[in-house]
Amino acid sequence: MTREKFNQIYHRAVERKGGEVNLEILLTTPLNNDQLRLIPDHRWLAEFTQKVFQCGIRWQVVRNKWSAFEAAFFEFDIEKMGLMPIEMWERKAQDVTIIRDLKKVMTIPENANMIHRTALEYGSFAAMVADWPEQDIIGLWLYLKKHGCRLGGKTGAYSLRGLGKDTFLFTQDVETYLRHTGVIDGGRDTLKSLRAAQNAFNDWQQQSGRSLTQISQIIAFSVGDNRV
């Protein structure tokens, strides 16, 4: 069981944000399963690639160059990614209009292959993501880590959130809260910590009827340096 009831967390966030209306405005709503299924597979590859490149640098640097990434990689068309020879990938990694990093560039064909294989099994990558139960969202994180390239840690989860899949996030504020309240006490990415966090979020979801996305945001707003 969690150390705090969701209502306690919510009321603290309300107080810190200057009222319930102010707090609710800040919350986002994830897509439903039907909406998720409509996302083309190449957009998942684009999202994964953007998050991989954002690791270790300011996110805005990647955003500022993103139109060049889209052009350089044919809008991340899955079939085209599978046809490009290694020499072409190496040339792409030297393109001055994008961020030149061969190791990160080479995640694109790896993740394109992962998406293609998944689509063959589930009909589309989006269908797999849509049907994955939020009560085991860490299982989807682990799937991306195992089958994808550089999609472990926060990268996979942030990618899912970026395209609207309901997931909590281990932001600094959320992780600090979970540690302070004893929900997790070991390494953030250990299976023990992931399961403990999932169980806690499932409990809060049953109490509140809210999405994992909003619960995660409300926890973040209830702690840290983000008062009104």
Protein backbone atom coordinates (compact mmCIF):
# COMPACT_ATOMS: atom_id res chain seq x y z
CA MET A 1 0.00 0.00 0.00
CA THR A 2 1.04 3.61 -0.55
CA ARG A 3 2.10 5.86 2.31
CA GLU A 4 -0.37 8.62 1.39
CA LYS A 5 -3.93 8.53 0.06
CA PHE A 6 -4.44 10.22 -3.26
CA ASN A 7 -6.73 12.86 -1.75
CA GLN A 8 -3.89 14.04 0.49
CA ILE A 9 -1.60 14.40 -2.50
CA TYR A 10 -4.29 16.16 -4.53
CA HIS A 11 -5.19 18.69 -1.85
CA ARG A 12 -1.53 19.59 -1.34
CA ALA A 13 -1.15 20.14 -5.10
CA VAL A 14 -4.31 22.29 -5.11
CA GLU A 15 -2.93 24.44 -2.31
CA ARG A 16 0.45 24.82 -4.01
CA LYS A 17 -1.13 25.79 -7.35
CA GLY A 18 -3.55 28.35 -5.96
CA GLY A 19 -6.78 26.41 -6.26
CA GLU A 20 -8.45 23.45 -7.91
CA VAL A 21 -9.22 25.28 -11.16
CA ASN A 22 -5.58 26.33 -11.57
CA LEU A 23 -4.39 22.78 -10.97
CA GLU A 24 -6.86 21.16 -13.36
CA ILE A 25 -5.80 23.53 -16.16
CA LEU A 26 -2.26 22.21 -15.86
CA LEU A 27 -3.22 18.55 -16.28
CA THR A 28 -3.15 16.72 -19.60
CA THR A 29 -5.40 13.93 -20.81
CA PRO A 30 -3.89 10.88 -22.53
CA LEU A 31 -5.34 9.52 -25.75
CA ASN A 32 -7.85 6.70 -25.64
CA ASN A 33 -7.10 3.38 -27.31
CA ASP A 34 -8.95 4.21 -30.52
CA GLN A 35 -6.99 7.44 -30.88
CA LEU A 36 -3.69 5.67 -30.22
CA ARG A 37 -4.38 3.11 -32.94
CA LEU A 38 -4.59 5.92 -35.51
CA ILE A 39 -0.96 6.98 -34.98
CA PRO A 40 1.12 5.79 -37.97
CA ASP A 41 4.10 3.63 -37.13
CA HIS A 42 6.55 6.13 -38.62
CA ARG A 43 5.47 8.68 -36.01
CA TRP A 44 6.50 6.27 -33.26
CA LEU A 45 9.92 5.99 -34.86
CA ALA A 46 10.16 9.76 -35.07
CA GLU A 47 9.23 10.12 -31.40
CA PHE A 48 11.74 7.48 -30.29
CA THR A 49 14.45 9.16 -32.35
CA GLN A 50 13.73 12.60 -30.96
CA LYS A 51 13.86 11.34 -27.39
CA VAL A 52 17.09 9.41 -28.04
CA PHE A 53 18.75 12.54 -29.41
CA GLN A 54 17.45 14.63 -26.51
CA CYS A 55 19.29 12.44 -24.00
CA GLY A 56 22.20 14.32 -22.53
CA ILE A 57 21.54 17.68 -24.21
CA ARG A 58 19.02 20.50 -23.96
CA TRP A 59 15.76 19.31 -25.49
CA GLN A 60 15.22 22.59 -27.33
CA VAL A 61 18.42 22.06 -29.33
CA VAL A 62 16.87 18.94 -30.87
CA ARG A 63 13.49 20.62 -31.36
CA ASN A 64 15.13 23.48 -33.25
CA LYS A 65 16.66 21.03 -35.71
CA TRP A 66 13.74 18.66 -35.94
CA SER A 67 12.50 19.71 -39.37
CA ALA A 68 15.97 18.86 -40.70
CA PHE A 69 15.77 15.44 -39.06
CA GLU A 70 12.40 14.81 -40.72
CA ALA A 71 13.84 15.74 -44.12
CA ALA A 72 17.07 13.79 -43.68
CA PHE A 73 15.29 10.59 -42.70
CA PHE A 74 12.36 10.73 -45.14
CA GLU A 75 9.88 11.49 -42.33
CA PHE A 76 10.96 8.21 -40.73
CA ASP A 77 9.21 6.03 -43.28
CA ILE A 78 9.64 2.51 -41.86
CA GLU A 79 10.09 0.80 -45.24
CA LYS A 80 12.68 3.32 -46.42
CA MET A 81 14.61 2.99 -43.17
CA GLY A 82 14.89 -0.74 -43.81
CA LEU A 83 16.30 -0.25 -47.30
CA MET A 84 19.11 2.17 -46.47
CA PRO A 85 22.62 0.60 -46.59
CA ILE A 86 25.14 1.19 -43.80
CA GLU A 87 27.12 3.62 -45.97
CA MET A 88 24.07 5.85 -46.29
CA TRP A 89 23.54 5.87 -42.53
CA GLU A 90 27.15 6.90 -42.05
CA ARG A 91 26.68 9.77 -44.50
CA LYS A 92 23.50 10.82 -42.75
CA ALA A 93 25.38 10.96 -39.46
CA GLN A 94 27.67 13.62 -40.97
CA ASP A 95 24.80 15.85 -42.12
CA VAL A 96 25.49 19.31 -40.68
CA THR A 97 21.77 20.15 -40.57
CA ILE A 98 21.12 17.55 -37.85
CA ILE A 99 23.02 16.61 -34.71
CA ARG A 100 25.99 14.56 -35.86
CA ASP A 101 26.15 11.47 -33.66
CA LEU A 102 26.62 8.14 -35.43
CA LYS A 103 25.68 5.99 -32.44
CA LYS A 104 22.37 7.81 -32.03
CA VAL A 105 21.72 7.82 -35.78
CA MET A 106 22.18 4.05 -35.84
CA THR A 107 19.32 3.64 -33.35
CA ILE A 108 16.97 4.64 -36.17
CA PRO A 109 17.30 1.46 -38.27
CA GLU A 110 17.34 -0.66 -35.11
CA ASN A 111 14.11 0.85 -33.84
CA ALA A 112 12.57 0.79 -37.32
CA ASN A 113 13.19 -2.96 -37.38
CA MET A 114 11.66 -3.32 -33.93
CA ILE A 115 8.55 -1.42 -35.01
CA HIS A 116 8.31 -3.48 -38.21
CA ARG A 117 8.56 -6.79 -36.33
CA THR A 118 5.98 -5.67 -33.80
CA ALA A 119 3.63 -4.54 -36.55
CA LEU A 120 3.83 -7.95 -38.21
CA GLU A 121 2.69 -9.54 -34.94
CA TYR A 122 0.05 -7.03 -33.82
CA GLY A 123 -1.09 -5.44 -37.08
CA SER A 124 0.63 -2.17 -36.24
CA PHE A 125 2.98 -0.90 -33.59
CA ALA A 126 0.27 1.50 -32.46
CA ALA A 127 -2.14 -1.40 -31.90
CA MET A 128 0.33 -3.06 -29.57
CA VAL A 129 0.82 0.15 -27.60
CA ALA A 130 -2.92 0.84 -27.46
CA ASP A 131 -3.77 -2.64 -26.16
CA TRP A 132 -1.04 -2.71 -23.52
CA PRO A 133 -2.79 -2.32 -20.12
CA GLU A 134 -1.86 0.76 -18.11
CA GLN A 135 -1.92 -1.42 -14.98
CA ASP A 136 1.31 -2.94 -16.31
CA ILE A 137 2.79 0.09 -18.04
CA ILE A 138 6.23 -0.85 -16.74
CA GLY A 139 5.89 -4.01 -18.83
CA LEU A 140 5.69 -1.81 -21.93
CA TRP A 141 8.72 0.16 -20.74
CA LEU A 142 10.63 -3.12 -20.41
CA TYR A 143 9.44 -4.27 -23.85
CA LEU A 144 10.89 -1.14 -25.43
CA LYS A 145 14.12 -1.55 -23.48
CA LYS A 146 14.50 -5.20 -24.52
CA HIS A 147 13.46 -4.98 -28.16
CA GLY A 148 14.42 -1.41 -29.01
CA CYS A 149 17.71 0.46 -29.05
CA ARG A 150 18.44 3.03 -26.32
CA LEU A 151 14.82 3.01 -25.21
CA GLY A 152 15.48 2.03 -21.62
CA GLY A 153 15.50 4.34 -18.60
CA LYS A 154 13.30 7.39 -19.10
CA THR A 155 13.53 7.43 -22.90
CA GLY A 156 10.83 4.88 -23.65
CA ALA A 157 8.41 6.26 -21.08
CA TYR A 158 8.85 9.85 -22.28
CA SER A 159 8.28 8.68 -25.86
CA LEU A 160 5.04 6.98 -24.89
CA ARG A 161 3.84 10.06 -23.02
CA GLY A 162 4.86 12.24 -25.96
CA LEU A 163 2.42 10.47 -28.27
CA GLY A 164 -0.39 10.19 -25.75
CA LYS A 165 -0.08 6.73 -24.16
CA ASP A 166 -1.18 6.84 -20.53
CA THR A 167 1.93 6.42 -18.40
CA PHE A 168 3.46 7.82 -15.27
CA LEU A 169 6.96 9.28 -15.48
CA PHE A 170 9.96 9.13 -13.19
CA THR A 171 10.56 12.87 -13.28
CA GLN A 172 12.86 14.25 -10.60
CA ASP A 173 9.93 15.42 -8.49
CA VAL A 174 8.03 12.12 -8.81
CA GLU A 175 11.10 10.04 -8.01
CA THR A 176 11.92 12.26 -5.02
CA TYR A 177 8.38 11.85 -3.72
CA LEU A 178 8.38 8.07 -4.15
CA ARG A 179 11.67 7.82 -2.27
CA HIS A 180 10.63 10.23 0.48
CA THR A 181 7.46 8.25 1.16
CA GLY A 182 9.20 4.88 1.01
CA VAL A 183 7.46 3.59 -2.12
CA ILE A 184 10.87 2.90 -3.66
CA ASP A 185 14.21 2.64 -1.89
CA GLY A 186 16.60 1.15 -4.44
CA GLY A 187 17.79 1.89 -7.93
CA ARG A 188 15.17 3.69 -10.00
CA ASP A 189 15.29 1.24 -12.90
CA THR A 190 15.44 -1.98 -10.91
CA LEU A 191 12.54 -4.39 -11.33
CA LYS A 192 11.80 -4.05 -7.61
CA SER A 193 11.43 -0.26 -7.86
CA LEU A 194 9.44 -0.44 -11.08
CA ARG A 195 6.97 -2.91 -9.61
CA ALA A 196 6.64 -0.91 -6.40
CA ALA A 197 5.94 2.27 -8.35
CA GLN A 198 3.43 0.49 -10.59
CA ASN A 199 1.61 -0.92 -7.58
CA ALA A 200 1.46 2.50 -5.95
CA PHE A 201 0.11 4.17 -9.10
CA ASN A 202 -2.44 1.39 -9.57
CA ASP A 203 -3.60 1.99 -6.01
CA TRP A 204 -3.91 5.76 -6.55
CA GLN A 205 -5.77 5.11 -9.81
CA GLN A 206 -8.32 2.96 -8.01
CA GLN A 207 -8.77 5.67 -5.40
CA SER A 208 -9.14 8.54 -7.84
CA GLY A 209 -10.34 7.16 -11.18
CA ARG A 210 -7.70 9.35 -12.86
CA SER A 211 -5.20 8.43 -15.53
CA LEU A 212 -1.62 7.53 -14.66
CA THR A 213 -0.61 10.67 -16.56
CA GLN A 214 -2.62 12.98 -14.34
CA ILE A 215 -1.68 11.17 -11.14
CA SER A 216 1.98 11.56 -12.07
CA GLN A 217 1.52 15.26 -12.80
CA ILE A 218 -0.40 15.85 -9.58
CA ILE A 219 2.35 14.18 -7.55
CA ALA A 220 4.93 16.41 -9.24
CA PHE A 221 2.84 19.51 -8.51
CA SER A 222 2.47 18.47 -4.86
CA VAL A 223 6.23 18.61 -4.17
CA GLY A 224 9.37 20.34 -5.36
CA ASP A 225 9.97 23.95 -6.41
CA ASN A 226 6.87 24.53 -8.49
CA ARG A 227 4.58 26.60 -6.28
CA VAL A 228 2.47 29.36 -7.80
